[in-house]
Amino acid sequence: MRLSTSTDGRWRWLQLRQRSLISVGVVASMLFATLLMASNQANAKSSALVAFNAKVNRDLAAANAKQTPARNGQPTTGPKGEKHKTVLIIPPGSRAATQGGFRVAWAARDAALSLGWKVDFVTPTTSSPAAYEAAVQQGISQHVNGIITVSIDASVIPTALQQASKAGIKLVGGVGANTNSSVSGDTGVYEGFAPSYKSLVQGGYLLGEEAYKLSGGHLRAIDMVATGYGIITARLQGWKEFINACHAAGGDCKVLDTVDFTGSQITTDLPNLTEEAARSNPTFNVLWPGFDSGLPFMEPGLKAAGMLGGGRFAVGFDGNSQNVQEIRAGGFERATIGLSTVCLGYADIDVMNRLFAGPSTDVLGNHGCQNKLITKTDVPKTGQWWGDFDPRPLYWKLWGIGRPAHPTPLSQM
């Protein structure tokens, strides 16, 4: 039967209307699915950020907690103190620019003397490889039993260290990088090592967490990076890992600029380099100096740029005296990661003693020296931060030597 024209038209209209409704439904479904996906992604991102922020708070609380020998893993077993040893201790060449390293070396000297060892303390005239090599060669010619270097990477003077090793001299590296330093270990020409590369990376990450919190969750950093120092490379690695983790969690963390400089530029070009970086990145709110000793040379540059303050701040490493005072006074530096220089110096000598006593596996790692977050809320009321406890009596007991009759006051180390 043939439909009438009017009936046929109505039929076609019904078909078109049905198709239109189906199309609208498909579009609506797709739109709903897209919105649902976006909502789920936003919720997932929000959940990730909530979890990330919770971890930041946990980590900072743990790093702020009072340290104790048990919490830090202070060594309780080991060989008694070896007798009749001579050691050469080589601090970094520039005391003004590397205060923390010099304090570690001085504490190592105190520890060696408490064992009755003869100590040659040779401060290189400059922080150049040639000066460090000359100091090592002096130790070789004097037939010392061991050499402890502080803040001197093995890669800086490999030939001299290899010659010392071939001469039968035990080698311990403190606060630097061994030949094959990495997150997974510290092996190479230095037979013993403290602190571990891994702990330095952890310190960098931890400082990122504190800077993130201090910035109110909106971190805009300028990284001032001293090249040629393994410890700064490790700290920078941890800092970058935090920035990446923050971004992955949906947080607001950015490095606006990275400025490289050498050790020789610290007392000369660093103020100008800092000023230029600040003027080029006026929205920064965090200055990352890599180590506390460099910050006093950066602050004049910020002052010249009119950017020393105004909601901006610095976070550092080492807990040097000038920086601790600045934190205490509520100055530009707001936080620092401290590693007790007394603990590190004594740990270096404990490692050397273990090497003298014979083959030992307990010559790498932290040796009870752990990162401590120092802020205005827990900075010492006066003076320097030497650690939350004095580790020396524990080492004296470990070495079987008892307390020295006249121990060096902590304020002199």
Protein backbone atom coordinates (compact mmCIF):
# COMPACT_ATOMS: atom_id res chain seq x y z
CA MET A 1 0.00 0.00 0.00
CA ARG A 2 1.38 3.41 -0.93
CA LEU A 3 1.36 6.13 1.75
CA SER A 4 -0.08 9.47 0.95
CA THR A 5 2.25 12.41 0.48
CA SER A 6 1.24 13.92 3.80
CA THR A 7 1.68 10.62 5.55
CA ASP A 8 5.08 10.06 3.91
CA GLY A 9 6.27 13.52 4.99
CA ARG A 10 5.17 12.91 8.54
CA TRP A 11 7.04 9.60 8.57
CA ARG A 12 10.24 11.21 7.36
CA TRP A 13 9.91 13.95 9.97
CA LEU A 14 9.54 11.35 12.70
CA GLN A 15 12.65 9.56 11.45
CA LEU A 16 14.71 12.77 11.39
CA ARG A 17 13.47 13.73 14.84
CA GLN A 18 14.43 10.32 16.19
CA ARG A 19 17.89 10.59 14.64
CA SER A 20 18.32 14.08 16.11
CA LEU A 21 17.35 12.89 19.55
CA ILE A 22 19.80 10.02 19.25
CA SER A 23 22.58 12.43 18.17
CA VAL A 24 21.81 14.78 21.02
CA GLY A 25 21.88 11.84 23.41
CA VAL A 26 25.25 10.67 22.08
CA VAL A 27 26.72 14.15 22.39
CA ALA A 28 25.30 14.53 25.88
CA SER A 29 26.73 11.16 26.89
CA MET A 30 30.12 12.06 25.49
CA LEU A 31 30.06 15.41 27.24
CA PHE A 32 29.04 13.78 30.50
CA ALA A 33 31.82 11.20 30.13
CA THR A 34 34.34 13.96 29.45
CA LEU A 35 33.18 15.97 32.44
CA LEU A 36 33.19 12.85 34.60
CA MET A 37 36.73 12.02 33.47
CA ALA A 38 37.86 15.58 34.17
CA SER A 39 36.18 15.45 37.56
CA ASN A 40 37.85 12.12 38.35
CA GLN A 41 41.19 13.47 37.23
CA ALA A 42 40.71 16.58 39.35
CA ASN A 43 39.70 14.44 42.32
CA ALA A 44 42.70 12.16 41.76
CA LYS A 45 44.97 15.19 41.46
CA SER A 46 43.46 16.67 44.59
CA SER A 47 43.86 13.36 46.44
CA ALA A 48 47.47 13.10 45.28
CA LEU A 49 48.20 16.62 46.52
CA VAL A 50 46.54 15.93 49.85
CA ALA A 51 48.69 12.81 50.27
CA PHE A 52 51.77 14.72 49.15
CA ASN A 53 51.17 17.52 51.66
CA ALA A 54 50.60 14.97 54.43
CA LYS A 55 53.95 13.36 53.66
CA VAL A 56 55.65 16.76 53.71
CA ASN A 57 54.27 17.42 57.18
CA ARG A 58 55.34 13.99 58.45
CA ASP A 59 58.84 14.34 57.06
CA LEU A 60 59.31 17.82 58.54
CA ALA A 61 58.04 16.73 61.95
CA ALA A 62 60.51 13.85 62.00
CA ALA A 63 63.39 16.10 60.90
CA ASN A 64 62.52 18.64 63.62
CA ALA A 65 62.39 16.02 66.37
CA LYS A 66 65.12 16.04 68.99
CA GLN A 67 67.96 13.74 68.03
CA THR A 68 69.27 11.04 70.36
CA PRO A 69 72.07 8.47 70.03
CA ALA A 70 69.51 5.69 69.62
CA ARG A 71 67.45 7.53 67.00
CA ASN A 72 70.55 8.51 65.07
CA GLY A 73 72.02 5.01 65.09
CA GLN A 74 75.17 5.94 66.99
CA PRO A 75 77.71 3.05 66.75
CA THR A 76 77.80 0.88 69.88
CA THR A 77 80.22 -1.83 68.72
CA GLY A 78 83.63 -1.63 67.13
CA PRO A 79 87.36 -2.04 67.75
CA LYS A 80 89.17 -0.43 70.63
CA GLY A 81 91.36 2.53 69.83
CA GLU A 82 94.52 1.69 67.89
CA LYS A 83 97.83 2.88 69.31
CA HIS A 84 100.80 4.79 67.90
CA LYS A 85 99.23 6.11 64.73
CA THR A 86 99.97 9.25 62.74
CA VAL A 87 97.29 10.84 60.63
CA LEU A 88 97.23 13.79 58.27
CA ILE A 89 94.04 15.87 58.26
CA ILE A 90 93.44 18.16 55.28
CA PRO A 91 90.59 20.69 55.62
CA PRO A 92 89.20 22.65 52.66
CA GLY A 93 91.47 25.45 51.46
CA SER A 94 89.16 28.41 52.05
CA ARG A 95 87.99 28.55 55.66
CA ALA A 96 85.78 31.60 55.07
CA ALA A 97 83.91 29.96 52.22
CA THR A 98 83.67 26.46 53.74
CA GLN A 99 83.22 26.97 57.46
CA GLY A 100 81.33 23.70 57.89
CA GLY A 101 84.11 21.63 56.32
CA PHE A 102 86.76 23.27 58.47
CA ARG A 103 84.77 22.56 61.63
CA VAL A 104 84.50 18.88 60.67
CA ALA A 105 88.28 18.73 60.19
CA TRP A 106 88.88 20.40 63.55
CA ALA A 107 86.57 17.91 65.29
CA ALA A 108 88.45 15.05 63.60
CA ARG A 109 91.67 16.51 64.98
CA ASP A 110 90.15 16.53 68.48
CA ALA A 111 89.08 12.91 68.11
CA ALA A 112 92.49 11.76 66.88
CA LEU A 113 94.26 13.54 69.73
CA SER A 114 91.92 11.91 72.26
CA LEU A 115 93.15 8.54 70.94
CA GLY A 116 96.74 9.61 71.51
CA TRP A 117 97.53 9.76 67.80
CA LYS A 118 99.99 12.19 66.31
CA VAL A 119 98.15 14.67 64.11
CA ASP A 120 99.47 16.72 61.21
CA PHE A 121 96.85 19.35 60.41
CA VAL A 122 97.71 20.93 57.07
CA THR A 123 95.49 23.70 55.71
CA PRO A 124 96.10 24.17 51.96
CA THR A 125 96.98 27.71 50.94
CA THR A 126 94.15 27.73 48.37
CA SER A 127 91.23 25.53 47.40
CA SER A 128 92.98 24.41 44.22
CA PRO A 129 93.77 20.83 43.17
CA ALA A 130 97.49 21.68 43.16
CA ALA A 131 97.35 22.77 46.81
CA TYR A 132 95.44 19.64 47.83
CA GLU A 133 97.85 17.41 45.93
CA ALA A 134 100.80 19.05 47.67
CA ALA A 135 99.23 18.32 51.07
CA VAL A 136 98.69 14.65 50.17
CA GLN A 137 102.27 14.37 48.87
CA GLN A 138 103.45 15.77 52.21
CA GLY A 139 101.63 12.94 53.97
CA ILE A 140 103.21 10.36 51.65
CA SER A 141 106.71 11.72 52.26
CA GLN A 142 106.15 11.70 56.02
CA HIS A 143 104.91 8.10 55.92
CA VAL A 144 101.70 8.81 57.84
CA ASN A 145 99.40 5.90 58.58
CA GLY A 146 96.24 7.59 57.40
CA ILE A 147 94.93 10.67 55.58
CA ILE A 148 91.56 12.29 56.23
CA THR A 149 90.38 14.89 53.72
CA VAL A 150 87.36 17.09 54.33
CA SER A 151 85.21 18.68 51.59
CA ILE A 152 87.64 17.46 48.92
CA ASP A 153 86.10 15.20 46.28
CA ALA A 154 88.16 12.19 45.23
CA SER A 155 87.80 13.24 41.60
CA VAL A 156 89.69 16.47 42.31
CA ILE A 157 92.99 14.78 43.21
CA PRO A 158 92.73 11.16 41.99
CA THR A 159 96.42 10.69 41.15
CA ALA A 160 97.72 11.85 44.53
CA LEU A 161 95.18 9.72 46.39
CA GLN A 162 96.02 6.65 44.32
CA GLN A 163 99.70 7.17 45.11
CA ALA A 164 98.90 7.42 48.80
CA SER A 165 96.84 4.25 48.64
CA LYS A 166 99.67 2.37 46.88
CA ALA A 167 101.97 3.52 49.67
CA GLY A 168 99.74 1.69 52.16
CA ILE A 169 98.13 4.82 53.62
CA LYS A 170 94.52 4.46 54.72
CA LEU A 171 92.22 7.06 53.16
CA VAL A 172 89.02 8.50 54.63
CA GLY A 173 86.91 11.15 52.91
CA GLY A 174 84.63 13.40 54.90
CA VAL A 175 81.84 15.64 53.59
CA GLY A 176 82.73 15.14 49.94
CA ALA A 177 82.19 12.67 47.14
CA ASN A 178 84.05 9.43 46.66
CA THR A 179 85.24 8.27 43.23
CA ASN A 180 82.00 6.39 42.54
CA SER A 181 79.52 8.28 44.72
CA SER A 182 75.88 7.64 43.97
CA VAL A 183 72.61 7.15 45.79
CA SER A 184 73.33 3.43 46.01
CA GLY A 185 76.80 3.65 47.50
CA ASP A 186 80.10 5.41 48.08
CA THR A 187 82.96 3.35 46.73
CA GLY A 188 86.29 4.33 45.30
CA VAL A 189 89.72 5.43 46.40
CA TYR A 190 88.47 6.57 49.81
CA GLU A 191 88.18 3.39 51.86
CA GLY A 192 85.90 4.99 54.40
CA PHE A 193 83.39 7.75 54.07
CA ALA A 194 80.99 9.94 56.08
CA PRO A 195 78.33 11.10 55.56
CA SER A 196 76.82 8.97 52.82
CA TYR A 197 75.87 10.39 49.44
CA LYS A 198 72.34 9.11 50.04
CA SER A 199 71.94 11.17 53.20
CA LEU A 200 73.01 14.31 51.32
CA VAL A 201 70.35 13.64 48.67
CA GLN A 202 67.80 13.14 51.44
CA GLY A 203 68.84 16.47 52.94
CA GLY A 204 68.21 18.19 49.61
CA TYR A 205 64.73 16.68 49.38
CA LEU A 206 63.96 17.63 52.97
CA LEU A 207 64.96 21.25 52.38
CA GLY A 208 62.62 21.30 49.39
CA GLU A 209 59.79 20.24 51.68
CA GLU A 210 60.57 23.02 54.14
CA ALA A 211 60.83 25.66 51.39
CA TYR A 212 57.48 24.47 49.98
CA LYS A 213 55.84 24.83 53.37
CA LEU A 214 57.40 28.24 54.05
CA SER A 215 56.26 29.49 50.63
CA GLY A 216 52.66 28.57 51.41
CA GLY A 217 52.70 25.87 48.75
CA HIS A 218 53.79 28.20 45.93
CA LEU A 219 57.53 27.70 45.54
CA ARG A 220 59.42 29.89 43.02
CA ALA A 221 63.14 29.26 43.34
CA ILE A 222 66.46 30.55 42.10
CA ASP A 223 69.12 27.85 42.46
CA MET A 224 72.66 29.13 43.08
CA VAL A 225 74.89 26.13 42.38
CA ALA A 226 78.58 25.93 43.25
CA THR A 227 80.06 23.57 40.69
CA GLY A 228 82.76 21.02 41.41
CA TYR A 229 81.48 19.95 44.84
CA GLY A 230 80.04 16.47 45.17
CA ILE A 231 78.05 17.33 48.28
CA ILE A 232 76.28 20.17 46.47
CA THR A 233 75.59 17.90 43.50
CA ALA A 234 73.93 15.45 45.90
CA ARG A 235 71.91 18.15 47.63
CA LEU A 236 70.80 19.56 44.29
CA GLN A 237 69.71 16.08 43.19
CA GLY A 238 67.48 15.76 46.25
CA TRP A 239 66.10 19.28 45.76
CA LYS A 240 65.20 18.50 42.13
CA GLU A 241 63.59 15.22 43.16
CA PHE A 242 61.32 17.18 45.47
CA ILE A 243 60.43 19.71 42.77
CA ASN A 244 59.52 16.85 40.42
CA ALA A 245 57.49 15.06 43.10
CA CYS A 246 55.65 18.29 43.88
CA HIS A 247 54.78 18.81 40.22
CA ALA A 248 53.65 15.19 39.80
CA ALA A 249 51.31 15.55 42.79
CA GLY A 250 49.74 18.68 41.33
CA GLY A 251 51.63 21.08 43.59
CA ASP A 252 52.91 24.51 42.65
CA CYS A 253 56.71 24.29 42.58
CA LYS A 254 59.01 25.83 39.99
CA VAL A 255 62.71 26.60 39.58
CA LEU A 256 62.86 29.89 37.69
CA ASP A 257 66.60 30.02 37.15
CA THR A 258 69.81 28.13 37.88
CA VAL A 259 73.08 30.04 38.25
CA ASP A 260 76.36 28.11 38.28
CA PHE A 261 79.49 29.52 39.91
CA THR A 262 82.90 28.22 40.94
CA GLY A 263 84.55 28.20 44.32
CA SER A 264 86.91 30.97 43.25
CA GLN A 265 83.93 33.24 42.49
CA ILE A 266 82.39 33.04 45.95
CA THR A 267 84.22 36.07 47.36
CA THR A 268 84.41 37.96 44.06
CA ASP A 269 81.64 37.56 41.48
CA LEU A 270 78.89 35.92 43.53
CA PRO A 271 77.15 39.14 44.69
CA ASN A 272 76.82 40.37 41.10
CA LEU A 273 75.66 36.99 39.82
CA THR A 274 72.98 36.90 42.50
CA GLU A 275 71.83 40.43 41.73
CA GLU A 276 71.50 39.64 38.02
CA ALA A 277 69.51 36.48 38.72
CA ALA A 278 67.14 38.30 41.07
CA ARG A 279 66.51 41.16 38.63
CA SER A 280 65.84 38.64 35.84
CA ASN A 281 63.39 36.67 37.99
CA PRO A 282 61.57 39.19 40.19
CA THR A 283 58.78 36.73 41.08
CA PHE A 284 61.11 34.36 42.93
CA ASN A 285 60.41 33.75 46.61
CA VAL A 286 63.08 31.18 47.54
CA LEU A 287 66.85 31.40 47.15
CA TRP A 288 68.64 28.04 47.20
CA PRO A 289 72.35 28.68 47.95
CA GLY A 290 73.60 25.07 48.12
CA PHE A 291 75.55 25.69 51.32
CA ASP A 292 75.41 28.19 54.16
CA SER A 293 78.87 29.65 53.64
CA GLY A 294 77.86 31.02 50.25
CA LEU A 295 74.77 32.88 51.40
CA PRO A 296 76.55 35.87 53.05
CA PHE A 297 78.08 36.63 49.64
CA MET A 298 74.69 36.37 47.89
CA GLU A 299 72.71 38.63 50.21
CA PRO A 300 74.52 41.85 49.17
CA GLY A 301 73.47 41.14 45.59
CA LEU A 302 69.84 40.75 46.64
CA LYS A 303 70.06 43.95 48.65
CA ALA A 304 71.42 45.81 45.62
CA ALA A 305 68.47 44.50 43.60
CA GLY A 306 66.03 45.57 46.32
CA MET A 307 64.93 41.97 46.82
CA LEU A 308 66.33 41.06 50.24
CA GLY A 309 62.99 40.43 51.94
CA GLY A 310 59.50 41.25 50.77
CA GLY A 311 58.27 37.73 51.40
CA ARG A 312 61.42 36.18 49.95
CA PHE A 313 63.71 33.92 51.94
CA ALA A 314 66.63 31.51 51.73
CA VAL A 315 67.05 27.93 52.89
CA GLY A 316 70.50 26.44 53.33
CA PHE A 317 72.70 23.60 54.48
CA ASP A 318 75.33 23.07 57.22
CA GLY A 319 74.08 25.25 60.10
CA ASN A 320 77.07 27.59 60.22
CA SER A 321 77.29 30.09 63.08
CA GLN A 322 76.38 33.20 61.06
CA ASN A 323 73.46 31.43 59.42
CA VAL A 324 72.13 30.03 62.69
CA GLN A 325 72.18 33.54 64.13
CA GLU A 326 70.28 34.83 61.09
CA ILE A 327 67.60 32.18 61.54
CA ARG A 328 67.39 33.00 65.24
CA ALA A 329 66.92 36.70 64.48
CA GLY A 330 64.21 36.04 61.90
CA GLY A 331 66.43 37.17 59.05
CA PHE A 332 66.51 36.29 55.36
CA GLU A 333 67.54 32.66 55.93
CA ARG A 334 64.61 30.79 57.39
CA ALA A 335 65.90 27.22 57.64
CA THR A 336 69.01 25.10 57.27
CA ILE A 337 69.81 21.39 57.24
CA GLY A 338 72.39 20.71 59.92
CA LEU A 339 74.73 17.75 60.19
CA SER A 340 76.63 17.87 63.46
CA THR A 341 80.22 18.72 62.55
CA VAL A 342 81.39 17.20 65.83
CA CYS A 343 79.62 13.96 64.98
CA LEU A 344 81.08 13.93 61.46
CA GLY A 345 84.63 14.63 62.65
CA TYR A 346 84.51 11.89 65.27
CA ALA A 347 82.86 9.52 62.78
CA ASP A 348 85.74 10.07 60.35
CA ILE A 349 88.26 9.07 63.02
CA ASP A 350 86.16 6.08 64.06
CA VAL A 351 86.17 4.96 60.43
CA MET A 352 89.96 5.39 60.29
CA ASN A 353 90.34 3.41 63.50
CA ARG A 354 88.28 0.56 62.02
CA LEU A 355 90.51 0.57 58.93
CA PHE A 356 93.61 0.40 61.11
CA ALA A 357 92.12 -2.51 63.08
CA GLY A 358 91.59 -4.61 59.94
CA PRO A 359 89.04 -5.31 57.21
CA SER A 360 85.68 -3.83 58.17
CA THR A 361 82.35 -3.36 56.46
CA ASP A 362 81.32 -0.59 58.86
CA VAL A 363 83.24 2.17 57.14
CA LEU A 364 80.51 3.63 54.94
CA GLY A 365 77.24 5.30 55.81
CA ASN A 366 76.15 7.96 58.29
CA HIS A 367 77.70 6.60 61.51
CA GLY A 368 75.00 8.17 63.65
CA CYS A 369 75.18 11.60 61.98
CA GLN A 370 71.69 12.45 60.73
CA ASN A 371 70.09 15.43 59.01
CA LYS A 372 68.51 17.95 61.37
CA LEU A 373 66.09 20.62 60.19
CA ILE A 374 66.88 23.85 62.04
CA THR A 375 64.25 26.60 62.01
CA LYS A 376 63.41 29.53 64.25
CA THR A 377 61.16 27.31 66.38
CA ASP A 378 64.00 25.02 67.46
CA VAL A 379 67.22 26.97 66.88
CA PRO A 380 69.44 27.18 70.00
CA LYS A 381 68.69 30.27 72.08
CA THR A 382 72.33 31.29 71.96
CA GLY A 383 75.50 30.19 70.23
CA GLN A 384 76.12 27.56 67.62
CA TRP A 385 74.25 24.34 66.91
CA TRP A 386 76.66 21.49 67.57
CA GLY A 387 74.03 18.77 67.52
CA ASP A 388 71.22 17.81 69.86
CA PHE A 389 73.63 15.71 71.91
CA ASP A 390 77.38 15.44 72.42
CA PRO A 391 78.52 12.25 70.64
CA ARG A 392 82.07 12.30 72.00
CA PRO A 393 81.53 10.36 75.28
CA LEU A 394 79.95 7.55 73.28
CA TYR A 395 83.01 7.33 71.02
CA TRP A 396 85.43 7.52 73.95
CA LYS A 397 83.59 4.61 75.54
CA LEU A 398 83.56 2.70 72.25
CA TRP A 399 87.32 3.17 71.86
CA GLY A 400 87.97 2.15 75.49
CA ILE A 401 89.86 5.32 76.36
CA GLY A 402 87.62 6.98 78.92
CA ARG A 403 86.92 10.68 79.13
CA PRO A 404 89.97 12.92 78.49
CA ALA A 405 91.10 14.93 81.52
CA HIS A 406 90.53 18.21 79.69
CA PRO A 407 88.14 17.71 76.76
CA THR A 408 87.96 20.50 74.23
CA PRO A 409 84.86 22.66 74.80
CA LEU A 410 82.33 22.30 72.00
CA SER A 411 82.46 26.06 71.48
CA GLN A 412 86.06 25.69 70.27
CA MET A 413 85.20 23.18 67.55
